[in-house]
Each structure stands twice: as C-alpha cells, then as structure tokens.
C-alpha cells in the first residue's frame, strides 16, 4: 500500500484530513539531525503527508540539515523525512515503533519554524527459510508484526509500517519481505523495538511464527537495537497433506463479477479460484489447495445483480472433495444520509459498517460502503467516512432502533437513516508530562456510559510538534478527555484496556459551537 495513502487514511480516521482554501500559502521549516551524534543530515528528503496537492514537491536538506516545505492547502499534516540507511528516531518515551514524523497544523498557522526531525542508523533483520531437504525455500512471505488495536479496539497482530522510497514517491512498506532463490529474506529500514515474525509459503506448507511455532500464542518477539544487523539463522517449513475442494453452487443468479473463499481459523485466502463461466449450467468454485484438518469456509459470490454467500464447516483429509453448496442471498441495506438542516451533503460523506465478528464479513465489494449494498448477516457498528471537521452524527435509526448506541443487527433487509449536523463542539489544548509539552501523544475523547460502544462519537488526534491538539465535530454530551504518551492503535476503544483507566481523565461537557481549552497530562 502506498505510504502516502496509508497516512492519508490514518489522518482521515483521526480527523486530520486537509481542507481546501483559496490564496493560502504556508511554510514549514526545520532541520533533520542524526540522533546518534546530533549532527545535521544533508540530503534527507522531507515530505508533507498526505500530499497537499499534485503540485507539491518534497524538499531536500542542505549541508546544515535544513529544509523548507510549502503548502498551498490548509490542514493537518505529518512531516516525515527519508534518508537511505536511516530511520525515524522516536522519542525515548515512545516504546513502540511508529509511523515516522511529526504532526503540524496548517489550518491557521502560515509559518511553522524550528521543527527538528531526528533520525538514527537503520536496523536490518535477515534470515533464511529452508525446505526439509535443506534447499532454500523460494517465494515465501515473511512479515514483521506487532500487536495493535484496530479502529474497533480489537487487539491483533498487524504489519509494521516504515518508510521506503521508490523514485520520487514515498511508500509505506508493510514490514513485508519475500525469500529469494536461496531462501534468504531481509528487512532494511527497521526501527528499534520488539517484533513478531510470521513465515508463510502458501497452504502447502505449515505457516510458522518465530521461533518456529504454528501457534500464535506461543510466538516470541525478537528485540532489535538501533543500528543492529540482526541475523536470525535458518528455519524449516514442512509440507503438509492437502486436497482440492470443488463446490457446485446453487441459488446464485446473474453474471459473476468476482468470488472469494476464506479459510478459518487461519483467515487465509484460498488464492487462485476458478472463475465460473456464465454459460455453465451449474456454477462452480474451486479451492486448489486446502490443508488437511478442520476449517470453516466462507464463500462469497458477487454477480451483476446480487451478492451470495455461505459459511460452513469442512473436514479435509488427503482426498479431494466435491460438495454442493446452497448459497444464500446477502442482506440488503438501504442507507440514507441527510443533514439536519436539509442542505446538500458534502462530497465524500458516506457510512461504513464494521462487523463485531473478528472474521471478515465483507459486503459485495470490498471497497463498498453501507449504502445500497448486500451484507453477510451479523451485528455491525456504524462508522463514518469523509466527515467534515465540524460534523457529527445526530442520530442513526433502523426503524425504532438507535444504531448509534445499540449497533445494527443485519439479519433481514433493512433501511437506515443517518442525520448529520455541521456545528459540533471543539476542544483544544496541549498535552504535557512532567517535563513539559509533548508531541506525538494520543488524545482521545471517550463518551461516558452508556455510550461507550458508540464508535461514531469517539474523537482522537495526535498532538502536534508543539504538543498542541484540537478535536472538532463533537456531538453534545458527556465525555472523558484522556491522553497517552504512547499507544498502539485505538486501544481506547478496547473494553479490557480501558478497565485500567476507569474514572481517569478529565470530565468534559460538550455543547454545539462551543470551544473549550483544556490542557491534559499524558499517562
């Protein structure tokens, strides 16, 4: 995934998406230094993320490590630097690897000076994967992972982001490497920290976590130090018994667009599927390689007219399987979003549903939103995308059910009405610790009970390079304002995590169009 796109998505989720404005010019000035010796770094390339416009150009540091960036579009951005052989050097108070850079607010300021971007020598992790005959295993995927809380507060092992550069564009690398013909893999540009590693060579092999277990709960971390070249040695992936599974599908109609098959509990996609031919009387799907054992299989079929699915258990041995599967139509949801005052909707405003089930239960199109789509039956939470800075959800109703507070049970065709206002409350201030203002802190506004499960009411932001923050588009009500110097993902959305912080933070009462200034101490 493009690194710029990744941070743009993160910015949108945190309410940082830049807004357009005429006749606006802002400068960001600073210096890039080597944290190891304090000396300036010449030739580092510095970016604003997300990219303000197509005309925006990154800057290169001069012999004194200085840079100047110019943006013609106001908004909040991250200033990130890249230099071959170096990685971002995060402050000591931040234990976990982070997306590189510092946040700046260009919505009001026209000039920001004296930003210091610290970098340190990159670390490198390498090793080798072998087959049981001792030969190198070619084409296997290797991933650097960390536990992180997703947007719904679920703790998962996820890829680790870091910077690489290709041509004139900056990309987010997913902590991903692939073995060469000798079975060698190598991760350059690694920040110091603790990491998990997963090795996967397709369903024909037993996937492993470091140091050699198939059980995620038994996986161990590697510890990477600054500037270290860590060699992990060799690991053997063994072949396992597999079979082919072919399914004859009944109950589907329309010309097929695409199909998916996912195996649980592994969560792995089946890989290549045989695309059904519209002229075949009985549509079919095939999983070419299925490991022996007990699985839950989720099949989805998207046609030009409708969406179908089935989830079923499958026991696999060494013999190929042929099975007839009665596909079920997805649940149709018709959602309508409106502004309370009846004015036109801002462009890009849309709703999205997130399943409570940790297994993926996607609608017909993985990129689709909740309007006019068909879903797999489940309980969902409402999320919003493309919300303007001051907007908030007044209400979301499916019949008489309050979807904001109760979520949405999608087990029959449903109509959803979402009402939005554009005059939410605002909270601004600074984040501090015992030493003063701190940048990069996570500031979260958490609704008080009984609204803790109402995801659309949460607000969060990262404090900027000066320790300042601003939260906008807050629905009137009672909240707690809490800040953490370090946090992996949206842990504040996790019930177990928040048990340790029950009653903590600053109680806040928010009203429409009222701005409050509150300074908060970070945990």
Protein backbone atom coordinates (compact mmCIF):
# COMPACT_ATOMS: atom_id res chain seq x y z
CA UNK A 1 0.00 0.00 0.00
CA UNK A 2 1.29 3.48 -0.84
CA UNK A 3 2.69 5.07 2.35
CA UNK A 4 1.11 8.41 1.48
CA UNK A 5 -2.27 6.70 1.07
CA UNK A 6 -1.82 4.86 4.38
CA UNK A 7 -1.16 8.04 6.34
CA UNK A 8 -3.96 9.80 4.46
CA UNK A 9 -6.37 7.08 5.65
CA UNK A 10 -4.98 7.36 9.19
CA UNK A 11 -5.37 11.16 9.01
CA UNK A 12 -8.97 10.82 7.88
CA UNK A 13 -9.74 8.44 10.75
CA UNK A 14 -8.20 10.90 13.23
CA UNK A 15 -9.99 13.91 11.77
CA UNK A 16 -6.84 15.39 10.22
CA UNK A 17 -7.84 15.44 6.57
CA UNK A 18 -6.71 18.70 4.93
CA UNK A 19 -9.30 21.14 3.68
CA UNK A 20 -9.02 23.25 0.57
CA UNK A 21 -8.76 27.03 0.71
CA UNK A 22 -8.01 29.76 -1.83
CA UNK A 23 -4.97 32.05 -1.68
CA UNK A 24 -3.31 30.02 1.06
CA UNK A 25 0.45 29.59 1.35
CA UNK A 26 2.15 28.09 4.40
CA UNK A 27 5.79 27.24 5.08
CA UNK A 28 7.19 24.53 7.31
CA UNK A 29 10.86 24.98 8.20
CA UNK A 30 13.15 22.81 10.24
CA UNK A 31 16.22 20.64 10.45
CA UNK A 32 16.96 16.93 10.16
CA UNK A 33 19.63 15.61 12.54
CA UNK A 34 21.37 12.35 13.38
CA UNK A 35 20.19 11.49 16.90
CA UNK A 36 23.35 9.47 17.48
CA UNK A 37 25.72 12.43 17.30
CA UNK A 38 23.45 15.46 16.96
CA UNK A 39 24.94 16.43 13.59
CA UNK A 40 22.76 17.68 10.70
CA UNK A 41 21.90 15.25 7.89
CA UNK A 42 22.38 16.52 4.38
CA UNK A 43 20.37 15.04 1.50
CA UNK A 44 17.38 13.84 3.53
CA UNK A 45 14.09 14.12 1.62
CA UNK A 46 11.26 15.68 3.64
CA UNK A 47 7.55 15.24 2.84
CA UNK A 48 4.17 16.52 3.94
CA UNK A 49 1.73 13.63 4.33
CA UNK A 50 -0.92 13.43 2.98
CA UNK A 51 0.32 15.19 -0.15
CA UNK A 52 -1.33 18.66 -0.15
CA UNK A 53 -1.71 18.80 -3.94
CA UNK A 54 -0.35 17.35 -7.16
CA UNK A 55 1.91 20.39 -7.43
CA UNK A 56 3.51 19.79 -4.03
CA UNK A 57 7.20 18.93 -4.09
CA UNK A 58 9.24 17.43 -1.24
CA UNK A 59 12.32 19.24 0.00
CA UNK A 60 15.93 18.06 0.36
CA UNK A 61 18.00 19.13 3.32
CA UNK A 62 21.06 21.31 2.69
CA UNK A 63 24.54 20.91 4.17
CA UNK A 64 23.21 22.21 7.50
CA UNK A 65 20.31 19.75 7.50
CA UNK A 66 17.75 22.50 6.93
CA UNK A 67 14.59 22.25 4.83
CA UNK A 68 11.60 24.38 3.79
CA UNK A 69 8.27 22.88 2.70
CA UNK A 70 5.49 24.94 1.13
CA UNK A 71 1.80 24.02 1.08
CA UNK A 72 -0.99 25.82 -0.75
CA UNK A 73 -3.68 23.81 1.05
CA UNK A 74 -4.51 24.32 4.75
CA UNK A 75 -4.92 21.27 7.00
CA UNK A 76 -3.13 18.96 9.40
CA UNK A 77 -0.15 17.09 8.02
CA UNK A 78 2.67 14.85 9.09
CA UNK A 79 6.21 16.00 8.33
CA UNK A 80 8.31 12.91 7.58
CA UNK A 81 11.91 12.53 6.41
CA UNK A 82 13.63 9.82 4.40
CA UNK A 83 17.33 9.12 4.01
CA UNK A 84 18.91 5.92 2.82
CA UNK A 85 20.42 3.99 5.73
CA UNK A 86 18.42 5.89 8.38
CA UNK A 87 15.04 5.60 10.11
CA UNK A 88 12.98 7.98 12.18
CA UNK A 89 14.27 8.25 15.73
CA UNK A 90 11.26 8.38 18.02
CA UNK A 91 11.44 9.95 21.49
CA UNK A 92 12.50 7.69 24.36
CA UNK A 93 9.04 7.92 25.93
CA UNK A 94 7.56 6.13 22.90
CA UNK A 95 8.36 2.44 23.25
CA UNK A 96 6.60 1.10 20.18
CA UNK A 97 7.61 1.66 16.53
CA UNK A 98 5.53 4.39 14.93
CA UNK A 99 4.80 5.86 11.54
CA UNK A 100 7.64 8.35 11.12
CA UNK A 101 7.39 12.08 11.58
CA UNK A 102 5.72 14.90 13.48
CA UNK A 103 2.27 16.43 13.04
CA UNK A 104 1.75 20.08 12.13
CA UNK A 105 -1.42 22.15 11.93
CA UNK A 106 -1.57 24.44 8.91
CA UNK A 107 -5.25 25.33 9.26
CA UNK A 108 -4.36 28.62 10.96
CA UNK A 109 -0.58 28.95 11.02
CA UNK A 110 1.05 30.28 7.87
CA UNK A 111 4.60 29.61 9.05
CA UNK A 112 5.98 26.92 11.32
CA UNK A 113 9.66 27.05 12.23
CA UNK A 114 12.29 25.13 14.15
CA UNK A 115 10.90 21.62 13.65
CA UNK A 116 13.54 19.04 14.50
CA UNK A 117 13.28 15.65 12.80
CA UNK A 118 15.65 13.17 14.40
CA UNK A 119 16.87 10.10 12.52
CA UNK A 120 19.12 7.19 13.50
CA UNK A 121 21.00 4.42 11.76
CA UNK A 122 18.63 1.81 10.36
CA UNK A 123 18.46 -1.70 11.73
CA UNK A 124 18.35 -4.76 9.48
CA UNK A 125 16.72 -8.13 10.17
CA UNK A 126 17.56 -11.13 7.99
CA UNK A 127 17.37 -14.90 7.95
CA UNK A 128 16.73 -17.92 5.76
CA UNK A 129 13.85 -20.32 5.13
CA UNK A 130 14.55 -23.92 4.10
CA UNK A 131 12.61 -26.91 2.87
CA UNK A 132 13.04 -30.22 4.68
CA UNK A 133 15.63 -31.29 2.07
CA UNK A 134 17.84 -28.36 3.08
CA UNK A 135 17.24 -26.31 -0.05
CA UNK A 136 16.26 -22.66 0.15
CA UNK A 137 12.51 -22.04 0.05
CA UNK A 138 11.83 -19.57 -2.76
CA UNK A 139 8.97 -17.04 -2.78
CA UNK A 140 7.84 -17.42 0.83
CA UNK A 141 6.46 -14.32 2.54
CA UNK A 142 7.94 -13.04 5.79
CA UNK A 143 6.25 -10.33 7.84
CA UNK A 144 7.33 -8.15 10.75
CA UNK A 145 4.35 -7.82 13.09
CA UNK A 146 3.26 -6.11 16.28
CA UNK A 147 0.10 -6.30 18.33
CA UNK A 148 -2.01 -3.24 17.69
CA UNK A 149 -5.61 -2.22 18.39
CA UNK A 150 -7.69 -1.69 15.27
CA UNK A 151 -10.29 1.05 14.79
CA UNK A 152 -12.87 -1.02 16.69
CA UNK A 153 -10.50 -1.66 19.61
CA UNK A 154 -9.65 -5.28 18.72
CA UNK A 155 -6.10 -6.36 19.51
CA UNK A 156 -4.45 -8.03 16.51
CA UNK A 157 -1.07 -8.88 15.07
CA UNK A 158 -0.61 -6.44 12.19
CA UNK A 159 2.11 -5.39 9.77
CA UNK A 160 4.63 -2.82 10.92
CA UNK A 161 4.80 0.36 8.82
CA UNK A 162 8.04 2.08 7.91
CA UNK A 163 9.40 4.27 5.12
CA UNK A 164 10.98 3.30 1.84
CA UNK A 165 11.46 5.40 -1.25
CA UNK A 166 10.87 4.46 -4.88
CA UNK A 167 11.68 7.16 -7.41
CA UNK A 168 10.15 10.41 -6.22
CA UNK A 169 7.36 8.83 -4.19
CA UNK A 170 7.32 7.65 -0.59
CA UNK A 171 5.67 4.31 0.09
CA UNK A 172 4.56 2.51 3.21
CA UNK A 173 6.22 -0.88 3.40
CA UNK A 174 4.18 -3.39 5.36
CA UNK A 175 7.13 -4.99 7.10
CA UNK A 176 6.97 -7.49 4.26
CA UNK A 177 9.76 -9.45 2.56
CA UNK A 178 9.85 -12.38 0.16
CA UNK A 179 12.56 -15.04 0.09
CA UNK A 180 14.94 -15.26 -2.87
CA UNK A 181 16.12 -18.39 -4.65
CA UNK A 182 18.38 -19.24 -1.71
CA UNK A 183 15.56 -18.81 0.79
CA UNK A 184 17.10 -15.57 2.10
CA UNK A 185 14.94 -12.71 3.38
CA UNK A 186 15.98 -9.24 4.53
CA UNK A 187 14.24 -6.29 6.18
CA UNK A 188 16.13 -3.00 5.86
CA UNK A 189 14.93 0.26 7.43
CA UNK A 190 13.70 -1.29 10.70
CA UNK A 191 13.18 0.89 13.78
CA UNK A 192 14.46 -0.38 17.13
CA UNK A 193 11.81 -2.32 19.02
CA UNK A 194 10.16 -5.65 19.72
CA UNK A 195 8.66 -7.57 16.78
CA UNK A 196 6.90 -10.82 15.96
CA UNK A 197 7.66 -12.58 12.67
CA UNK A 198 5.38 -14.76 10.61
CA UNK A 199 6.57 -17.12 7.86
CA UNK A 200 4.11 -18.26 5.17
CA UNK A 201 4.75 -20.20 1.96
CA UNK A 202 1.20 -20.98 0.92
CA UNK A 203 -1.26 -23.67 2.07
CA UNK A 204 1.12 -26.47 1.02
CA UNK A 205 3.38 -25.60 3.97
CA UNK A 206 2.77 -25.22 7.68
CA UNK A 207 2.94 -21.50 8.47
CA UNK A 208 5.09 -20.59 11.45
CA UNK A 209 5.74 -17.76 13.86
CA UNK A 210 9.22 -17.09 15.19
CA UNK A 211 10.96 -19.03 16.70
CA UNK A 212 9.20 -21.99 14.99
CA UNK A 213 5.65 -22.45 16.29
CA UNK A 214 2.38 -22.63 14.37
CA UNK A 215 0.52 -21.32 17.45
CA UNK A 216 0.31 -17.53 17.63
CA UNK A 217 0.00 -17.63 21.42
CA UNK A 218 3.42 -19.32 21.64
CA UNK A 219 5.18 -16.85 19.34
CA UNK A 220 8.16 -14.98 20.76
CA UNK A 221 9.37 -11.49 19.92
CA UNK A 222 12.74 -10.51 18.52
CA UNK A 223 14.45 -7.47 20.05
CA UNK A 224 16.03 -5.09 17.54
CA UNK A 225 18.53 -2.48 18.70
CA UNK A 226 19.42 0.76 16.94
CA UNK A 227 21.76 0.23 14.01
CA UNK A 228 21.84 -3.54 14.56
CA UNK A 229 22.12 -6.13 11.80
CA UNK A 230 20.20 -8.99 13.38
CA UNK A 231 20.67 -12.40 11.78
CA UNK A 232 18.05 -14.95 12.84
CA UNK A 233 19.52 -18.03 11.18
CA UNK A 234 17.55 -20.72 9.35
CA UNK A 235 14.06 -22.10 9.85
CA UNK A 236 12.48 -25.11 8.11
CA UNK A 237 8.92 -25.04 6.76
CA UNK A 238 7.46 -28.51 6.30
CA UNK A 239 5.00 -29.59 3.65
CA UNK A 240 1.60 -30.79 4.84
CA UNK A 241 -1.12 -33.00 3.44
CA UNK A 242 -3.52 -31.10 1.18
CA UNK A 243 -6.51 -31.74 -1.02
CA UNK A 244 -8.52 -29.94 -3.67
CA UNK A 245 -12.05 -28.75 -2.86
CA UNK A 246 -14.61 -28.16 -5.61
CA UNK A 247 -18.03 -26.72 -4.83
CA UNK A 248 -21.14 -26.80 -7.01
CA UNK A 249 -23.14 -23.70 -6.19
CA UNK A 250 -26.91 -23.49 -6.17
CA UNK A 251 -29.09 -20.45 -5.64
CA UNK A 252 -26.88 -17.91 -7.44
CA UNK A 253 -28.10 -15.73 -10.30
CA UNK A 254 -26.62 -13.13 -12.62
CA UNK A 255 -23.33 -12.83 -14.47
CA UNK A 256 -20.48 -13.33 -11.97
CA UNK A 257 -18.12 -10.43 -11.21
CA UNK A 258 -15.80 -11.97 -8.63
CA UNK A 259 -15.70 -14.66 -5.95
CA UNK A 260 -13.75 -15.23 -2.74
CA UNK A 261 -13.05 -18.13 -0.44
CA UNK A 262 -11.54 -17.75 3.03
CA UNK A 263 -10.48 -20.49 5.45
CA UNK A 264 -10.81 -20.10 9.22
CA UNK A 265 -9.30 -20.08 11.76
CA UNK A 266 -6.24 -19.22 9.63
CA UNK A 267 -8.01 -16.36 7.88
CA UNK A 268 -6.01 -17.09 4.74
CA UNK A 269 -7.49 -16.50 1.32
CA UNK A 270 -7.58 -19.62 -0.79
CA UNK A 271 -5.55 -17.97 -3.54
CA UNK A 272 -6.43 -18.74 -7.17
CA UNK A 273 -10.07 -19.51 -7.77
CA UNK A 274 -11.67 -21.00 -10.86
CA UNK A 275 -13.88 -18.20 -12.19
CA UNK A 276 -17.33 -19.52 -13.06
CA UNK A 277 -18.39 -19.37 -16.68
CA UNK A 278 -21.74 -17.66 -17.16
CA UNK A 279 -22.70 -20.31 -19.73
CA UNK A 280 -22.20 -23.22 -17.32
CA UNK A 281 -25.49 -24.63 -16.06
CA UNK A 282 -24.16 -25.30 -12.53
CA UNK A 283 -21.74 -22.59 -11.32
CA UNK A 284 -18.66 -23.89 -9.54
CA UNK A 285 -15.88 -22.63 -7.32
CA UNK A 286 -12.65 -24.41 -6.54
CA UNK A 287 -10.03 -24.11 -3.80
CA UNK A 288 -6.98 -25.69 -5.44
CA UNK A 289 -5.06 -26.36 -2.20
CA UNK A 290 -6.72 -26.94 1.17
CA UNK A 291 -4.62 -28.14 4.14
CA UNK A 292 -5.81 -31.22 5.99
CA UNK A 293 -7.72 -30.53 9.17
CA UNK A 294 -10.93 -28.82 10.27
CA UNK A 295 -11.82 -25.50 8.72
CA UNK A 296 -14.67 -23.05 8.45
CA UNK A 297 -15.06 -21.92 4.85
CA UNK A 298 -16.62 -18.64 3.80
CA UNK A 299 -17.61 -18.48 0.13
CA UNK A 300 -18.85 -15.26 -1.47
CA UNK A 301 -20.22 -14.77 -4.98
CA UNK A 302 -20.84 -11.34 -6.44
CA UNK A 303 -22.82 -11.06 -9.64
CA UNK A 304 -24.05 -8.10 -11.63
CA UNK A 305 -27.40 -8.44 -9.87
CA UNK A 306 -26.78 -9.61 -6.34
CA UNK A 307 -24.43 -10.95 -3.67
CA UNK A 308 -24.47 -14.52 -2.27
CA UNK A 309 -22.55 -16.30 0.47
CA UNK A 310 -22.33 -19.38 2.64
CA UNK A 311 -20.25 -20.19 5.70
CA UNK A 312 -19.83 -23.88 6.55
CA UNK A 313 -17.53 -26.36 8.28
CA UNK A 314 -15.22 -28.56 6.20
CA UNK A 315 -13.09 -31.51 7.33
CA UNK A 316 -10.23 -32.18 4.94
CA UNK A 317 -8.03 -35.27 4.70
CA UNK A 318 -5.89 -36.42 1.79
CA UNK A 319 -8.73 -37.00 -0.70
CA UNK A 320 -10.19 -34.34 -2.98
CA UNK A 321 -13.62 -33.02 -2.06
CA UNK A 322 -16.68 -32.31 -4.16
CA UNK A 323 -19.61 -30.71 -2.39
CA UNK A 324 -22.84 -28.96 -3.32
CA UNK A 325 -23.32 -25.64 -1.53
CA UNK A 326 -26.63 -23.78 -1.37
CA UNK A 327 -25.65 -20.11 -1.50
CA UNK A 328 -27.69 -17.58 0.45
CA UNK A 329 -28.53 -14.04 -0.68
CA UNK A 330 -26.89 -11.26 1.28
CA UNK A 331 -28.84 -8.82 3.41
CA UNK A 332 -29.70 -5.63 1.58
CA UNK A 333 -29.18 -2.37 3.41
CA UNK A 334 -30.52 0.91 2.05
CA UNK A 335 -28.97 3.80 3.92
CA UNK A 336 -29.84 7.47 3.58
CA UNK A 337 -27.59 10.22 4.94
CA UNK A 338 -29.04 13.72 5.37
CA UNK A 339 -28.12 16.98 7.01
CA UNK A 340 -30.46 18.04 9.78
CA UNK A 341 -31.00 21.46 8.19
CA UNK A 342 -31.89 19.92 4.82
CA UNK A 343 -28.91 21.37 2.94
CA UNK A 344 -26.84 19.38 0.46
CA UNK A 345 -24.41 16.71 1.62
CA UNK A 346 -20.67 17.46 1.50
CA UNK A 347 -18.87 15.40 -1.19
CA UNK A 348 -17.32 12.16 0.01
CA UNK A 349 -19.52 11.77 3.10
CA UNK A 350 -20.51 8.13 3.49
CA UNK A 351 -21.21 5.46 6.07
CA UNK A 352 -19.42 2.17 6.70
CA UNK A 353 -20.29 -0.87 8.80
CA UNK A 354 -17.75 -2.78 10.89
CA UNK A 355 -18.63 -6.32 11.93
CA UNK A 356 -18.41 -7.29 15.59
CA UNK A 357 -17.24 -10.67 14.34
CA UNK A 358 -13.44 -10.82 14.11
CA UNK A 359 -13.76 -12.82 10.91
CA UNK A 360 -14.09 -10.73 7.76
CA UNK A 361 -17.72 -10.44 6.67
CA UNK A 362 -17.41 -8.18 3.69
CA UNK A 363 -20.19 -6.74 1.58
CA UNK A 364 -20.38 -7.49 -2.11
CA UNK A 365 -17.47 -5.22 -2.98
CA UNK A 366 -14.55 -4.89 -0.54
CA UNK A 367 -14.40 -1.15 -1.27
CA UNK A 368 -18.11 -0.57 -0.93
CA UNK A 369 -19.88 1.41 1.76
CA UNK A 370 -23.13 0.81 3.58
CA UNK A 371 -25.49 2.38 1.06
CA UNK A 372 -27.36 0.04 -1.32
CA UNK A 373 -25.09 -2.94 -0.64
CA UNK A 374 -25.65 -6.50 0.49
CA UNK A 375 -24.04 -7.89 3.61
CA UNK A 376 -23.43 -11.16 5.38
CA UNK A 377 -25.81 -11.42 8.36
CA UNK A 378 -24.10 -10.18 11.50
CA UNK A 379 -24.12 -7.45 14.14
CA UNK A 380 -22.40 -4.29 12.92
CA UNK A 381 -21.20 -0.99 14.34
CA UNK A 382 -21.64 2.22 12.36
CA UNK A 383 -18.61 4.25 11.29
CA UNK A 384 -18.48 7.36 9.09
CA UNK A 385 -16.02 8.43 6.41
CA UNK A 386 -15.41 11.81 4.81
CA UNK A 387 -16.96 13.75 7.69
CA UNK A 388 -16.15 17.49 7.55
CA UNK A 389 -14.19 18.78 10.53
CA UNK A 390 -17.20 20.15 12.46
CA UNK A 391 -19.71 17.43 11.53
CA UNK A 392 -21.16 14.80 13.84
CA UNK A 393 -23.89 12.15 13.74
CA UNK A 394 -27.06 13.38 15.44
CA UNK A 395 -28.89 10.09 15.03
CA UNK A 396 -28.85 6.83 13.11
CA UNK A 397 -32.08 4.84 13.11
CA UNK A 398 -33.13 1.48 11.68
CA UNK A 399 -36.84 1.58 12.38
CA UNK A 400 -37.09 2.46 16.06
CA UNK A 401 -33.63 1.10 16.89
CA UNK A 402 -30.87 3.56 17.81
CA UNK A 403 -27.92 2.31 15.76
CA UNK A 404 -25.50 4.79 17.36
CA UNK A 405 -25.88 3.24 20.80
CA UNK A 406 -27.02 -0.32 20.00
CA UNK A 407 -25.32 -1.12 16.72
CA UNK A 408 -27.13 -2.72 13.81
CA UNK A 409 -28.46 -6.28 13.64
CA UNK A 410 -28.43 -7.15 9.95
CA UNK A 411 -30.42 -10.34 9.62
CA UNK A 412 -33.12 -9.02 7.28
CA UNK A 413 -33.28 -6.30 4.64
CA UNK A 414 -33.02 -3.01 6.48
CA UNK A 415 -33.45 0.73 5.91
CA UNK A 416 -31.05 3.01 7.79
CA UNK A 417 -31.44 6.78 8.18
CA UNK A 418 -28.47 8.85 9.37
CA UNK A 419 -28.80 12.51 10.35
CA UNK A 420 -25.70 14.74 10.48
CA UNK A 421 -25.10 18.25 11.85
CA UNK A 422 -22.23 20.58 10.98
CA UNK A 423 -21.83 22.59 14.21
CA UNK A 424 -20.19 20.27 16.72
CA UNK A 425 -18.26 21.31 19.78
CA UNK A 426 -14.50 21.89 19.82
CA UNK A 427 -11.84 21.06 22.41
CA UNK A 428 -8.31 22.35 22.04
CA UNK A 429 -5.30 22.49 24.31
CA UNK A 430 -1.91 21.00 24.95
CA UNK A 431 -0.56 17.66 26.16
CA UNK A 432 2.08 17.64 28.87
CA UNK A 433 4.12 15.34 31.05
CA UNK A 434 6.43 16.12 33.96
CA UNK A 435 8.94 17.69 31.58
CA UNK A 436 6.53 19.92 29.65
CA UNK A 437 4.65 19.77 26.35
CA UNK A 438 4.99 16.56 24.34
CA UNK A 439 4.45 15.80 20.66
CA UNK A 440 3.07 12.57 19.25
CA UNK A 441 0.74 11.88 22.18
CA UNK A 442 -2.61 10.19 21.54
CA UNK A 443 -5.52 12.33 22.75
CA UNK A 444 -8.89 10.59 22.93
CA UNK A 445 -12.35 11.90 23.77
CA UNK A 446 -14.35 8.97 25.12
CA UNK A 447 -18.15 9.10 25.55
CA UNK A 448 -19.39 8.36 29.04
CA UNK A 449 -21.56 5.31 29.73
CA UNK A 450 -23.92 4.16 28.32
CA UNK A 451 -22.44 5.39 25.02
CA UNK A 452 -19.05 3.63 25.20
CA UNK A 453 -19.91 1.36 22.26
CA UNK A 454 -20.91 4.29 20.02
CA UNK A 455 -17.90 4.40 17.74
CA UNK A 456 -19.09 7.45 15.77
CA UNK A 457 -18.94 9.56 18.95
CA UNK A 458 -15.25 8.95 19.71
CA UNK A 459 -12.73 11.56 18.69
CA UNK A 460 -8.95 11.21 18.70
CA UNK A 461 -5.95 13.12 17.46
CA UNK A 462 -2.15 13.12 17.70
CA UNK A 463 -0.58 16.13 19.42
CA UNK A 464 1.49 18.19 17.02
CA UNK A 465 5.20 19.02 17.15
CA UNK A 466 4.46 21.69 19.78
CA UNK A 467 2.27 19.44 21.94
CA UNK A 468 -0.97 21.12 20.86
CA UNK A 469 -4.16 19.30 19.85
CA UNK A 470 -7.64 20.10 18.60
CA UNK A 471 -10.73 17.88 18.47
CA UNK A 472 -13.65 19.04 16.34
CA UNK A 473 -17.09 17.84 15.33
CA UNK A 474 -18.05 16.63 18.82
CA UNK A 475 -21.66 15.71 19.48
CA UNK A 476 -23.09 17.42 22.59
CA UNK A 477 -22.85 15.23 25.66
CA UNK A 478 -20.64 13.97 28.48
CA UNK A 479 -17.13 12.69 27.78
CA UNK A 480 -13.75 12.00 29.32
CA UNK A 481 -10.61 13.52 27.81
CA UNK A 482 -7.52 11.31 28.20
CA UNK A 483 -4.03 11.42 26.68
CA UNK A 484 -1.32 8.79 26.41
CA UNK A 485 2.32 9.43 25.55
CA UNK A 486 2.42 6.07 23.78
CA UNK A 487 -0.33 3.83 22.48
CA UNK A 488 -0.57 1.21 19.74
CA UNK A 489 -3.68 1.94 17.73
CA UNK A 490 -7.14 2.66 19.12
CA UNK A 491 -6.67 0.92 22.48
CA UNK A 492 -9.08 3.44 24.00
CA UNK A 493 -11.84 1.58 22.12
CA UNK A 494 -10.97 -1.69 23.90
CA UNK A 495 -13.06 -2.51 26.97
CA UNK A 496 -10.36 -4.56 28.73
CA UNK A 497 -7.70 -1.92 28.17
CA UNK A 498 -9.93 0.84 29.50
CA UNK A 499 -10.68 -1.04 32.72
CA UNK A 500 -7.27 0.13 33.95
CA UNK A 501 -8.27 3.73 33.17
CA UNK A 502 -11.82 3.70 34.52
CA UNK A 503 -12.59 7.04 36.13
CA UNK A 504 -9.41 8.63 34.86
CA UNK A 505 -9.11 11.64 32.58
CA UNK A 506 -10.90 14.97 32.62
CA UNK A 507 -14.69 15.09 32.62
CA UNK A 508 -15.98 17.31 29.85
CA UNK A 509 -19.45 18.52 28.91
CA UNK A 510 -19.65 19.46 25.23
CA UNK A 511 -22.14 21.84 23.60
CA UNK A 512 -22.74 22.79 19.98
CA UNK A 513 -20.46 25.52 18.59
CA UNK A 514 -18.69 25.96 21.95
CA UNK A 515 -14.90 25.82 22.04
CA UNK A 516 -13.14 24.74 25.23
CA UNK A 517 -9.44 24.96 26.02
CA UNK A 518 -8.16 22.14 28.20
CA UNK A 519 -4.59 21.09 28.98
CA UNK A 520 -4.19 17.42 29.77
CA UNK A 521 -1.44 15.36 31.43
CA UNK A 522 -0.45 12.26 29.50
CA UNK A 523 -0.30 8.79 31.01
